[in-house]
Amino acid sequence: MIAMSSLEELNKKLQERIKEEKILPRGISVRGKVVSTKAKNTVTIERTFIVRIPKYKRYMRKRSKIHAHVPDGISLRVGDEVIAQQTRKISKTKAWVVTKVVKRGEEA
């Protein structure tokens, strides 16, 4: 039997918790880095993207922050690279749910 890595176990547990909480991920998904874990069951994800400015024929790097729901029993750290997917409105600012952890961040 092949032992699963901690990242695979975490992703499997994450999928189970999403089903238990009846949160249906739908729509687009984004990849970003966790920058804050201070709120309960919520992480702030920062995603960066490049935008072309036609007038100057140059590119500009932009970023946006997304508040995403994290199911109970899942612990994420600042610096983790995650994939979040759209879902129904969970609160005033949350309409995203973390669906996968791509890479773990550095431990403090």
PDB file of N, CA and C in Angstrom:
ATOM      1  N   MET A   1       0.840  -1.188   0.000  1.00  0.00           N
ATOM      2  CA  MET A   1       0.000   0.000   0.000  1.00  0.00           C
ATOM      3  C   MET A   1       0.882   1.246   0.000  1.00  0.00           C
ATOM      4  N   ILE A   2       0.582   2.164  -0.872  1.00  0.00           N
ATOM      5  CA  ILE A   2       1.361   3.395  -0.982  1.00  0.00           C
ATOM      6  C   ILE A   2       0.821   4.407   0.027  1.00  0.00           C
ATOM      7  N   ALA A   3       1.726   4.991   0.818  1.00  0.00           N
ATOM      8  CA  ALA A   3       1.323   5.985   1.810  1.00  0.00           C
ATOM      9  C   ALA A   3       1.049   7.315   1.115  1.00  0.00           C
ATOM     10  N   MET A   4      -0.046   7.970   1.512  1.00  0.00           N
ATOM     11  CA  MET A   4      -0.398   9.260   0.930  1.00  0.00           C
ATOM     12  C   MET A   4       0.394  10.358   1.621  1.00  0.00           C
ATOM     13  N   SER A   5       0.788  11.363   0.871  1.00  0.00           N
ATOM     14  CA  SER A   5       1.507  12.485   1.463  1.00  0.00           C
ATOM     15  C   SER A   5       0.530  13.341   2.270  1.00  0.00           C
ATOM     16  N   SER A   6       1.085  14.179   3.113  1.00  0.00           N
ATOM     17  CA  SER A   6       0.237  15.023   3.959  1.00  0.00           C
ATOM     18  C   SER A   6      -0.612  15.977   3.121  1.00  0.00           C
ATOM     19  N   LEU A   7      -0.084  16.408   1.973  1.00  0.00           N
ATOM     20  CA  LEU A   7      -0.829  17.313   1.093  1.00  0.00           C
ATOM     21  C   LEU A   7      -2.028  16.605   0.473  1.00  0.00           C
ATOM     22  N   GLU A   8      -1.848  15.358   0.057  1.00  0.00           N
ATOM     23  CA  GLU A   8      -2.953  14.577  -0.511  1.00  0.00           C
ATOM     24  C   GLU A   8      -4.016  14.299   0.544  1.00  0.00           C
ATOM     25  N   GLU A   9      -3.578  13.984   1.769  1.00  0.00           N
ATOM     26  CA  GLU A   9      -4.524  13.744   2.862  1.00  0.00           C
ATOM     27  C   GLU A   9      -5.332  15.002   3.155  1.00  0.00           C
ATOM     28  N   LEU A  10      -4.652  16.150   3.169  1.00  0.00           N
ATOM     29  CA  LEU A  10      -5.320  17.422   3.436  1.00  0.00           C
ATOM     30  C   LEU A  10      -6.358  17.729   2.362  1.00  0.00           C
ATOM     31  N   ASN A  11      -6.011  17.507   1.092  1.00  0.00           N
ATOM     32  CA  ASN A  11      -6.948  17.769  -0.006  1.00  0.00           C
ATOM     33  C   ASN A  11      -8.145  16.826   0.044  1.00  0.00           C
ATOM     34  N   LYS A  12      -7.914  15.570   0.414  1.00  0.00           N
ATOM     35  CA  LYS A  12      -9.008  14.606   0.531  1.00  0.00           C
ATOM     36  C   LYS A  12      -9.958  15.012   1.663  1.00  0.00           C
ATOM     37  N   LYS A  13      -9.373  15.417   2.795  1.00  0.00           N
ATOM     38  CA  LYS A  13     -10.170  15.861   3.941  1.00  0.00           C
ATOM     39  C   LYS A  13     -10.954  17.132   3.588  1.00  0.00           C
ATOM     40  N   LEU A  14     -10.321  18.012   2.819  1.00  0.00           N
ATOM     41  CA  LEU A  14     -10.957  19.256   2.390  1.00  0.00           C
ATOM     42  C   LEU A  14     -12.189  18.972   1.539  1.00  0.00           C
ATOM     43  N   GLN A  15     -12.073  18.043   0.589  1.00  0.00           N
ATOM     44  CA  GLN A  15     -13.209  17.679  -0.263  1.00  0.00           C
ATOM     45  C   GLN A  15     -14.349  17.065   0.550  1.00  0.00           C
ATOM     46  N   GLU A  16     -14.007  16.219   1.538  1.00  0.00           N
ATOM     47  CA  GLU A  16     -15.034  15.609   2.389  1.00  0.00           C
ATOM     48  C   GLU A  16     -15.781  16.667   3.185  1.00  0.00           C
ATOM     49  N   ARG A  17     -15.040  17.626   3.749  1.00  0.00           N
ATOM     50  CA  ARG A  17     -15.665  18.689   4.554  1.00  0.00           C
ATOM     51  C   ARG A  17     -16.567  19.587   3.703  1.00  0.00           C
ATOM     52  N   ILE A  18     -16.174  19.847   2.470  1.00  0.00           N
ATOM     53  CA  ILE A  18     -17.002  20.671   1.578  1.00  0.00           C
ATOM     54  C   ILE A  18     -18.334  19.971   1.322  1.00  0.00           C
ATOM     55  N   LYS A  19     -18.291  18.649   1.114  1.00  0.00           N
ATOM     56  CA  LYS A  19     -19.526  17.888   0.894  1.00  0.00           C
ATOM     57  C   LYS A  19     -20.388  17.871   2.147  1.00  0.00           C
ATOM     58  N   GLU A  20     -19.757  17.723   3.330  1.00  0.00           N
ATOM     59  CA  GLU A  20     -20.507  17.707   4.593  1.00  0.00           C
ATOM     60  C   GLU A  20     -21.221  19.032   4.834  1.00  0.00           C
ATOM     61  N   GLU A  21     -20.556  20.133   4.525  1.00  0.00           N
ATOM     62  CA  GLU A  21     -21.143  21.460   4.756  1.00  0.00           C
ATOM     63  C   GLU A  21     -22.099  21.871   3.640  1.00  0.00           C
ATOM     64  N   LYS A  22     -22.247  21.019   2.621  1.00  0.00           N
ATOM     65  CA  LYS A  22     -23.162  21.263   1.503  1.00  0.00           C
ATOM     66  C   LYS A  22     -22.860  22.577   0.787  1.00  0.00           C
ATOM     67  N   ILE A  23     -21.560  22.803   0.553  1.00  0.00           N
ATOM     68  CA  ILE A  23     -21.133  23.963  -0.221  1.00  0.00           C
ATOM     69  C   ILE A  23     -20.786  23.454  -1.607  1.00  0.00           C
ATOM     70  N   LEU A  24     -21.530  23.890  -2.605  1.00  0.00           N
ATOM     71  CA  LEU A  24     -21.337  23.410  -3.964  1.00  0.00           C
ATOM     72  C   LEU A  24     -20.434  24.375  -4.732  1.00  0.00           C
ATOM     73  N   PRO A  25     -19.165  24.003  -4.961  1.00  0.00           N
ATOM     74  CA  PRO A  25     -18.299  24.879  -5.753  1.00  0.00           C
ATOM     75  C   PRO A  25     -18.754  24.898  -7.206  1.00  0.00           C
ATOM     76  N   ARG A  26     -18.818  26.081  -7.788  1.00  0.00           N
ATOM     77  CA  ARG A  26     -19.229  26.215  -9.185  1.00  0.00           C
ATOM     78  C   ARG A  26     -18.579  27.476  -9.745  1.00  0.00           C
ATOM     79  N   GLY A  27     -18.623  27.640 -11.034  1.00  0.00           N
ATOM     80  CA  GLY A  27     -18.049  28.832 -11.638  1.00  0.00           C
ATOM     81  C   GLY A  27     -16.544  28.731 -11.790  1.00  0.00           C
ATOM     82  N   ILE A  28     -15.896  29.887 -11.838  1.00  0.00           N
ATOM     83  CA  ILE A  28     -14.463  29.915 -12.107  1.00  0.00           C
ATOM     84  C   ILE A  28     -13.651  29.566 -10.868  1.00  0.00           C
ATOM     85  N   SER A  29     -12.419  29.165 -11.090  1.00  0.00           N
ATOM     86  CA  SER A  29     -11.506  28.898  -9.983  1.00  0.00           C
ATOM     87  C   SER A  29     -10.264  29.761 -10.166  1.00  0.00           C
ATOM     88  N   VAL A  30      -9.683  30.185  -9.051  1.00  0.00           N
ATOM     89  CA  VAL A  30      -8.485  31.024  -9.085  1.00  0.00           C
ATOM     90  C   VAL A  30      -7.417  30.404  -8.197  1.00  0.00           C
ATOM     91  N   ARG A  31      -6.177  30.717  -8.531  1.00  0.00           N
ATOM     92  CA  ARG A  31      -5.043  30.211  -7.763  1.00  0.00           C
ATOM     93  C   ARG A  31      -4.357  31.408  -7.124  1.00  0.00           C
ATOM     94  N   GLY A  32      -4.032  31.290  -5.847  1.00  0.00           N
ATOM     95  CA  GLY A  32      -3.389  32.398  -5.169  1.00  0.00           C
ATOM     96  C   GLY A  32      -2.692  31.955  -3.909  1.00  0.00           C
ATOM     97  N   LYS A  33      -2.124  32.938  -3.206  1.00  0.00           N
ATOM     98  CA  LYS A  33      -1.363  32.674  -1.993  1.00  0.00           C
ATOM     99  C   LYS A  33      -2.129  33.203  -0.785  1.00  0.00           C
ATOM    100  N   VAL A  34      -2.162  32.430   0.291  1.00  0.00           N
ATOM    101  CA  VAL A  34      -2.838  32.836   1.519  1.00  0.00           C
ATOM    102  C   VAL A  34      -2.001  33.925   2.185  1.00  0.00           C
ATOM    103  N   VAL A  35      -2.629  35.086   2.453  1.00  0.00           N
ATOM    104  CA  VAL A  35      -1.917  36.189   3.091  1.00  0.00           C
ATOM    105  C   VAL A  35      -2.427  36.471   4.500  1.00  0.00           C
ATOM    106  N   SER A  36      -3.601  35.934   4.859  1.00  0.00           N
ATOM    107  CA  SER A  36      -4.137  36.147   6.203  1.00  0.00           C
ATOM    108  C   SER A  36      -5.053  34.995   6.595  1.00  0.00           C
ATOM    109  N   THR A  37      -4.939  34.577   7.863  1.00  0.00           N
ATOM    110  CA  THR A  37      -5.801  33.518   8.392  1.00  0.00           C
ATOM    111  C   THR A  37      -6.427  33.952   9.712  1.00  0.00           C
ATOM    112  N   LYS A  38      -6.570  35.262   9.924  1.00  0.00           N
ATOM    113  CA  LYS A  38      -7.017  35.781  11.214  1.00  0.00           C
ATOM    114  C   LYS A  38      -8.496  35.544  11.497  1.00  0.00           C
ATOM    115  N   ALA A  39      -9.340  35.588  10.483  1.00  0.00           N
ATOM    116  CA  ALA A  39     -10.780  35.411  10.692  1.00  0.00           C
ATOM    117  C   ALA A  39     -11.117  33.928  10.829  1.00  0.00           C
ATOM    118  N   LYS A  40     -12.180  33.628  11.552  1.00  0.00           N
ATOM    119  CA  LYS A  40     -12.596  32.242  11.765  1.00  0.00           C
ATOM    120  C   LYS A  40     -13.167  31.660  10.469  1.00  0.00           C
ATOM    121  N   ASN A  41     -12.684  30.476  10.096  1.00  0.00           N
ATOM    122  CA  ASN A  41     -13.130  29.754   8.895  1.00  0.00           C
ATOM    123  C   ASN A  41     -12.969  30.574   7.613  1.00  0.00           C
ATOM    124  N   THR A  42     -12.053  31.528   7.613  1.00  0.00           N
ATOM    125  CA  THR A  42     -11.853  32.382   6.446  1.00  0.00           C
ATOM    126  C   THR A  42     -10.363  32.611   6.218  1.00  0.00           C
ATOM    127  N   VAL A  43      -9.966  32.621   4.958  1.00  0.00           N
ATOM    128  CA  VAL A  43      -8.607  33.026   4.603  1.00  0.00           C
ATOM    129  C   VAL A  43      -8.698  34.131   3.562  1.00  0.00           C
ATOM    130  N   THR A  44      -7.685  34.981   3.543  1.00  0.00           N
ATOM    131  CA  THR A  44      -7.580  35.999   2.512  1.00  0.00           C
ATOM    132  C   THR A  44      -6.536  35.520   1.519  1.00  0.00           C
ATOM    133  N   ILE A  45      -6.938  35.438   0.256  1.00  0.00           N
ATOM    134  CA  ILE A  45      -6.070  34.941  -0.802  1.00  0.00           C
ATOM    135  C   ILE A  45      -5.719  36.101  -1.718  1.00  0.00           C
ATOM    136  N   GLU A  46      -4.428  36.236  -2.010  1.00  0.00           N
ATOM    137  CA  GLU A  46      -3.990  37.276  -2.938  1.00  0.00           C
ATOM    138  C   GLU A  46      -3.586  36.611  -4.247  1.00  0.00           C
ATOM    139  N   ARG A  47      -4.179  37.085  -5.333  1.00  0.00           N
ATOM    140  CA  ARG A  47      -3.822  36.545  -6.643  1.00  0.00           C
ATOM    141  C   ARG A  47      -3.226  37.664  -7.482  1.00  0.00           C
ATOM    142  N   THR A  48      -2.207  37.338  -8.247  1.00  0.00           N
ATOM    143  CA  THR A  48      -1.567  38.321  -9.107  1.00  0.00           C
ATOM    144  C   THR A  48      -1.814  37.947 -10.563  1.00  0.00           C
ATOM    145  N   PHE A  49      -1.939  38.961 -11.393  1.00  0.00           N
ATOM    146  CA  PHE A  49      -2.154  38.731 -12.812  1.00  0.00           C
ATOM    147  C   PHE A  49      -1.553  39.888 -13.597  1.00  0.00           C
ATOM    148  N   ILE A  50      -1.323  39.675 -14.878  1.00  0.00           N
ATOM    149  CA  ILE A  50      -0.691  40.672 -15.737  1.00  0.00           C
ATOM    150  C   ILE A  50      -1.729  41.228 -16.705  1.00  0.00           C
ATOM    151  N   VAL A  51      -1.781  42.555 -16.807  1.00  0.00           N
ATOM    152  CA  VAL A  51      -2.738  43.245 -17.666  1.00  0.00           C
ATOM    153  C   VAL A  51      -1.956  44.048 -18.700  1.00  0.00           C
ATOM    154  N   ARG A  52      -2.393  43.990 -19.945  1.00  0.00           N
ATOM    155  CA  ARG A  52      -1.740  44.759 -21.005  1.00  0.00           C
ATOM    156  C   ARG A  52      -2.378  46.142 -21.088  1.00  0.00           C
ATOM    157  N   ILE A  53      -1.537  47.174 -21.199  1.00  0.00           N
ATOM    158  CA  ILE A  53      -2.014  48.538 -21.370  1.00  0.00           C
ATOM    159  C   ILE A  53      -1.773  48.909 -22.833  1.00  0.00           C
ATOM    160  N   PRO A  54      -2.843  48.941 -23.662  1.00  0.00           N
ATOM    161  CA  PRO A  54      -2.670  49.143 -25.105  1.00  0.00           C
ATOM    162  C   PRO A  54      -2.033  50.488 -25.476  1.00  0.00           C
ATOM    163  N   LYS A  55      -2.372  51.540 -24.744  1.00  0.00           N
ATOM    164  CA  LYS A  55      -1.866  52.871 -25.086  1.00  0.00           C
ATOM    165  C   LYS A  55      -0.338  52.915 -25.041  1.00  0.00           C
ATOM    166  N   TYR A  56       0.237  52.287 -24.028  1.00  0.00           N
ATOM    167  CA  TYR A  56       1.688  52.327 -23.846  1.00  0.00           C
ATOM    168  C   TYR A  56       2.392  51.066 -24.351  1.00  0.00           C
ATOM    169  N   LYS A  57       1.613  50.106 -24.820  1.00  0.00           N
ATOM    170  CA  LYS A  57       2.158  48.833 -25.306  1.00  0.00           C
ATOM    171  C   LYS A  57       3.065  48.181 -24.263  1.00  0.00           C
ATOM    172  N   ARG A  58       2.591  48.220 -23.039  1.00  0.00           N
ATOM    173  CA  ARG A  58       3.339  47.653 -21.921  1.00  0.00           C
ATOM    174  C   ARG A  58       2.411  46.765 -21.097  1.00  0.00           C
ATOM    175  N   TYR A  59       2.999  46.051 -20.172  1.00  0.00           N
ATOM    176  CA  TYR A  59       2.239  45.186 -19.282  1.00  0.00           C
ATOM    177  C   TYR A  59       2.388  45.673 -17.853  1.00  0.00           C
ATOM    178  N   MET A  60       1.347  45.461 -17.057  1.00  0.00           N
ATOM    179  CA  MET A  60       1.354  45.878 -15.669  1.00  0.00           C
ATOM    180  C   MET A  60       0.923  44.702 -14.801  1.00  0.00           C
ATOM    181  N   ARG A  61       1.616  44.523 -13.712  1.00  0.00           N
ATOM    182  CA  ARG A  61       1.263  43.457 -12.779  1.00  0.00           C
ATOM    183  C   ARG A  61       0.246  44.001 -11.775  1.00  0.00           C
ATOM    184  N   LYS A  62      -0.889  43.325 -11.646  1.00  0.00           N
ATOM    185  CA  LYS A  62      -1.934  43.729 -10.705  1.00  0.00           C
ATOM    186  C   LYS A  62      -2.175  42.608  -9.715  1.00  0.00           C
ATOM    187  N   ARG A  63      -2.871  42.924  -8.647  1.00  0.00           N
ATOM    188  CA  ARG A  63      -3.232  41.903  -7.674  1.00  0.00           C
ATOM    189  C   ARG A  63      -4.599  42.217  -7.088  1.00  0.00           C
ATOM    190  N   SER A  64      -5.260  41.165  -6.624  1.00  0.00           N
ATOM    191  CA  SER A  64      -6.547  41.346  -5.970  1.00  0.00           C
ATOM    192  C   SER A  64      -6.624  40.382  -4.798  1.00  0.00           C
ATOM    193  N   LYS A  65      -7.427  40.744  -3.822  1.00  0.00           N
ATOM    194  CA  LYS A  65      -7.595  39.902  -2.638  1.00  0.00           C
ATOM    195  C   LYS A  65      -9.003  39.330  -2.622  1.00  0.00           C
ATOM    196  N   ILE A  66      -9.089  38.063  -2.248  1.00  0.00           N
ATOM    197  CA  ILE A  66     -10.358  37.342  -2.191  1.00  0.00           C
ATOM    198  C   ILE A  66     -10.494  36.742  -0.802  1.00  0.00           C
ATOM    199  N   HIS A  67     -11.678  36.865  -0.216  1.00  0.00           N
ATOM    200  CA  HIS A  67     -11.959  36.196   1.049  1.00  0.00           C
ATOM    201  C   HIS A  67     -12.622  34.870   0.718  1.00  0.00           C
ATOM    202  N   ALA A  68     -12.047  33.775   1.219  1.00  0.00           N
ATOM    203  CA  ALA A  68     -12.560  32.445   0.889  1.00  0.00           C
ATOM    204  C   ALA A  68     -12.854  31.661   2.160  1.00  0.00           C
ATOM    205  N   HIS A  69     -13.868  30.811   2.088  1.00  0.00           N
ATOM    206  CA  HIS A  69     -14.283  29.975   3.210  1.00  0.00           C
ATOM    207  C   HIS A  69     -13.379  28.750   3.318  1.00  0.00           C
ATOM    208  N   VAL A  70     -13.036  28.392   4.552  1.00  0.00           N
ATOM    209  CA  VAL A  70     -12.287  27.166   4.827  1.00  0.00           C
ATOM    210  C   VAL A  70     -13.151  26.322   5.755  1.00  0.00           C
ATOM    211  N   PRO A  71     -13.495  25.085   5.377  1.00  0.00           N
ATOM    212  CA  PRO A  71     -14.341  24.242   6.219  1.00  0.00           C
ATOM    213  C   PRO A  71     -13.711  23.956   7.585  1.00  0.00           C
ATOM    214  N   ASP A  72     -14.554  23.579   8.563  1.00  0.00           N
ATOM    215  CA  ASP A  72     -14.082  23.231   9.907  1.00  0.00           C
ATOM    216  C   ASP A  72     -13.080  22.089   9.842  1.00  0.00           C
ATOM    217  N   GLY A  73     -12.086  22.138  10.717  1.00  0.00           N
ATOM    218  CA  GLY A  73     -11.121  21.048  10.810  1.00  0.00           C
ATOM    219  C   GLY A  73      -9.964  21.142   9.840  1.00  0.00           C
ATOM    220  N   ILE A  74      -9.940  22.146   8.987  1.00  0.00           N
ATOM    221  CA  ILE A  74      -8.858  22.322   8.023  1.00  0.00           C
ATOM    222  C   ILE A  74      -8.017  23.513   8.474  1.00  0.00           C
ATOM    223  N   SER A  75      -6.709  23.322   8.575  1.00  0.00           N
ATOM    224  CA  SER A  75      -5.846  24.428   8.991  1.00  0.00           C
ATOM    225  C   SER A  75      -4.921  24.814   7.842  1.00  0.00           C
ATOM    226  N   LEU A  76      -4.966  26.073   7.486  1.00  0.00           N
ATOM    227  CA  LEU A  76      -4.094  26.615   6.448  1.00  0.00           C
ATOM    228  C   LEU A  76      -3.148  27.615   7.093  1.00  0.00           C
ATOM    229  N   ARG A  77      -1.991  27.802   6.464  1.00  0.00           N
ATOM    230  CA  ARG A  77      -0.988  28.729   6.979  1.00  0.00           C
ATOM    231  C   ARG A  77      -0.770  29.852   5.972  1.00  0.00           C
ATOM    232  N   VAL A  78      -0.241  30.952   6.469  1.00  0.00           N
ATOM    233  CA  VAL A  78       0.134  32.053   5.586  1.00  0.00           C
ATOM    234  C   VAL A  78       1.260  31.552   4.685  1.00  0.00           C
ATOM    235  N   GLY A  79       1.125  31.790   3.394  1.00  0.00           N
ATOM    236  CA  GLY A  79       2.128  31.338   2.435  1.00  0.00           C
ATOM    237  C   GLY A  79       1.696  30.123   1.640  1.00  0.00           C
ATOM    238  N   ASP A  80       0.621  29.439   2.078  1.00  0.00           N
ATOM    239  CA  ASP A  80       0.116  28.286   1.329  1.00  0.00           C
ATOM    240  C   ASP A  80      -0.409  28.750  -0.023  1.00  0.00           C
ATOM    241  N   GLU A  81      -0.149  27.959  -1.055  1.00  0.00           N
ATOM    242  CA  GLU A  81      -0.700  28.245  -2.376  1.00  0.00           C
ATOM    243  C   GLU A  81      -1.935  27.374  -2.547  1.00  0.00           C
ATOM    244  N   VAL A  82      -3.090  28.007  -2.804  1.00  0.00           N
ATOM    245  CA  VAL A  82      -4.366  27.290  -2.839  1.00  0.00           C
ATOM    246  C   VAL A  82      -5.142  27.605  -4.110  1.00  0.00           C
ATOM    247  N   ILE A  83      -6.130  26.753  -4.372  1.00  0.00           N
ATOM    248  CA  ILE A  83      -7.089  26.999  -5.445  1.00  0.00           C
ATOM    249  C   ILE A  83      -8.440  27.220  -4.784  1.00  0.00           C
ATOM    250  N   ALA A  84      -9.089  28.341  -5.122  1.00  0.00           N
ATOM    251  CA  ALA A  84     -10.412  28.660  -4.592  1.00  0.00           C
ATOM    252  C   ALA A  84     -11.398  28.685  -5.747  1.00  0.00           C
ATOM    253  N   GLN A  85     -12.627  28.283  -5.452  1.00  0.00           N
ATOM    254  CA  GLN A  85     -13.653  28.232  -6.486  1.00  0.00           C
ATOM    255  C   GLN A  85     -14.884  28.992  -6.011  1.00  0.00           C
ATOM    256  N   GLN A  86     -15.605  29.583  -6.963  1.00  0.00           N
ATOM    257  CA  GLN A  86     -16.807  30.339  -6.626  1.00  0.00           C
ATOM    258  C   GLN A  86     -17.868  29.418  -6.053  1.00  0.00           C
ATOM    259  N   THR A  87     -18.712  29.987  -5.198  1.00  0.00           N
ATOM    260  CA  THR A  87     -19.831  29.258  -4.613  1.00  0.00           C
ATOM    261  C   THR A  87     -20.929  30.262  -4.295  1.00  0.00           C
ATOM    262  N   ARG A  88     -21.953  29.810  -3.596  1.00  0.00           N
ATOM    263  CA  ARG A  88     -23.018  30.739  -3.201  1.00  0.00           C
ATOM    264  C   ARG A  88     -22.467  31.732  -2.180  1.00  0.00           C
ATOM    265  N   LYS A  89     -23.205  32.816  -1.936  1.00  0.00           N
ATOM    266  CA  LYS A  89     -22.802  33.791  -0.936  1.00  0.00           C
ATOM    267  C   LYS A  89     -22.820  33.134   0.433  1.00  0.00           C
ATOM    268  N   ILE A  90     -21.703  33.189   1.149  1.00  0.00           N
ATOM    269  CA  ILE A  90     -21.619  32.621   2.491  1.00  0.00           C
ATOM    270  C   ILE A  90     -21.790  33.727   3.525  1.00  0.00           C
ATOM    271  N   SER A  91     -21.245  34.904   3.239  1.00  0.00           N
ATOM    272  CA  SER A  91     -21.430  36.074   4.093  1.00  0.00           C
ATOM    273  C   SER A  91     -21.367  37.316   3.200  1.00  0.00           C
ATOM    274  N   LYS A  92     -21.274  38.476   3.817  1.00  0.00           N
ATOM    275  CA  LYS A  92     -21.262  39.721   3.047  1.00  0.00           C
ATOM    276  C   LYS A  92     -20.092  39.783   2.061  1.00  0.00           C
ATOM    277  N   THR A  93     -18.935  39.300   2.479  1.00  0.00           N
ATOM    278  CA  THR A  93     -17.749  39.395   1.625  1.00  0.00           C
ATOM    279  C   THR A  93     -17.258  38.056   1.084  1.00  0.00           C
ATOM    280  N   LYS A  94     -17.838  36.944   1.523  1.00  0.00           N
ATOM    281  CA  LYS A  94     -17.351  35.621   1.104  1.00  0.00           C
ATOM    282  C   LYS A  94     -18.286  34.961   0.106  1.00  0.00           C
ATOM    283  N   ALA A  95     -17.744  34.659  -1.079  1.00  0.00           N
ATOM    284  CA  ALA A  95     -18.488  33.888  -2.077  1.00  0.00           C
ATOM    285  C   ALA A  95     -17.549  32.897  -2.752  1.00  0.00           C
ATOM    286  N   TRP A  96     -16.466  32.542  -2.066  1.00  0.00           N
ATOM    287  CA  TRP A  96     -15.463  31.610  -2.572  1.00  0.00           C
ATOM    288  C   TRP A  96     -15.207  30.549  -1.511  1.00  0.00           C
ATOM    289  N   VAL A  97     -14.759  29.378  -1.944  1.00  0.00           N
ATOM    290  CA  VAL A  97     -14.398  28.308  -1.017  1.00  0.00           C
ATOM    291  C   VAL A  97     -13.074  27.704  -1.483  1.00  0.00           C
ATOM    292  N   VAL A  98     -12.186  27.416  -0.529  1.00  0.00           N
ATOM    293  CA  VAL A  98     -10.904  26.785  -0.853  1.00  0.00           C
ATOM    294  C   VAL A  98     -11.177  25.330  -1.201  1.00  0.00           C
ATOM    295  N   THR A  99     -10.760  24.894  -2.393  1.00  0.00           N
ATOM    296  CA  THR A  99     -11.032  23.527  -2.835  1.00  0.00           C
ATOM    297  C   THR A  99      -9.790  22.654  -2.883  1.00  0.00           C
ATOM    298  N   LYS A 100      -8.604  23.272  -2.936  1.00  0.00           N
ATOM    299  CA  LYS A 100      -7.387  22.460  -3.030  1.00  0.00           C
ATOM    300  C   LYS A 100      -6.183  23.248  -2.527  1.00  0.00           C
ATOM    301  N   VAL A 101      -5.267  22.546  -1.861  1.00  0.00           N
ATOM    302  CA  VAL A 101      -4.000  23.139  -1.456  1.00  0.00           C
ATOM    303  C   VAL A 101      -2.942  22.626  -2.425  1.00  0.00           C
ATOM    304  N   VAL A 102      -2.311  23.541  -3.148  1.00  0.00           N
ATOM    305  CA  VAL A 102      -1.332  23.166  -4.163  1.00  0.00           C
ATOM    306  C   VAL A 102       0.050  22.993  -3.543  1.00  0.00           C
ATOM    307  N   LYS A 103       0.421  23.929  -2.655  1.00  0.00           N
ATOM    308  CA  LYS A 103       1.755  23.918  -2.074  1.00  0.00           C
ATOM    309  C   LYS A 103       1.680  24.502  -0.676  1.00  0.00           C
ATOM    310  N   ARG A 104       2.364  23.874   0.273  1.00  0.00           N
ATOM    311  CA  ARG A 104       2.379  24.375   1.641  1.00  0.00           C
ATOM    312  C   ARG A 104       3.401  25.490   1.773  1.00  0.00           C
ATOM    313  N   GLY A 105       3.069  26.495   2.597  1.00  0.00           N
ATOM    314  CA  GLY A 105       3.979  27.606   2.839  1.00  0.00           C
ATOM    315  C   GLY A 105       5.002  27.245   3.896  1.00  0.00           C
ATOM    316  N   GLU A 106       5.887  28.168   4.154  1.00  0.00           N
ATOM    317  CA  GLU A 106       6.931  27.957   5.159  1.00  0.00           C
ATOM    318  C   GLU A 106       6.331  28.046   6.556  1.00  0.00           C
ATOM    319  N   GLU A 107       6.784  27.167   7.450  1.00  0.00           N
ATOM    320  CA  GLU A 107       6.314  27.222   8.836  1.00  0.00           C
ATOM    321  C   GLU A 107       7.058  28.318   9.572  1.00  0.00           C
ATOM    322  N   ALA A 108       6.329  29.011  10.442  1.00  0.00           N
ATOM    323  CA  ALA A 108       6.926  30.123  11.184  1.00  0.00           C
ATOM    324  C   ALA A 108       7.733  29.637  12.360  1.00  0.00           C
TER     325      ALA A 108
END
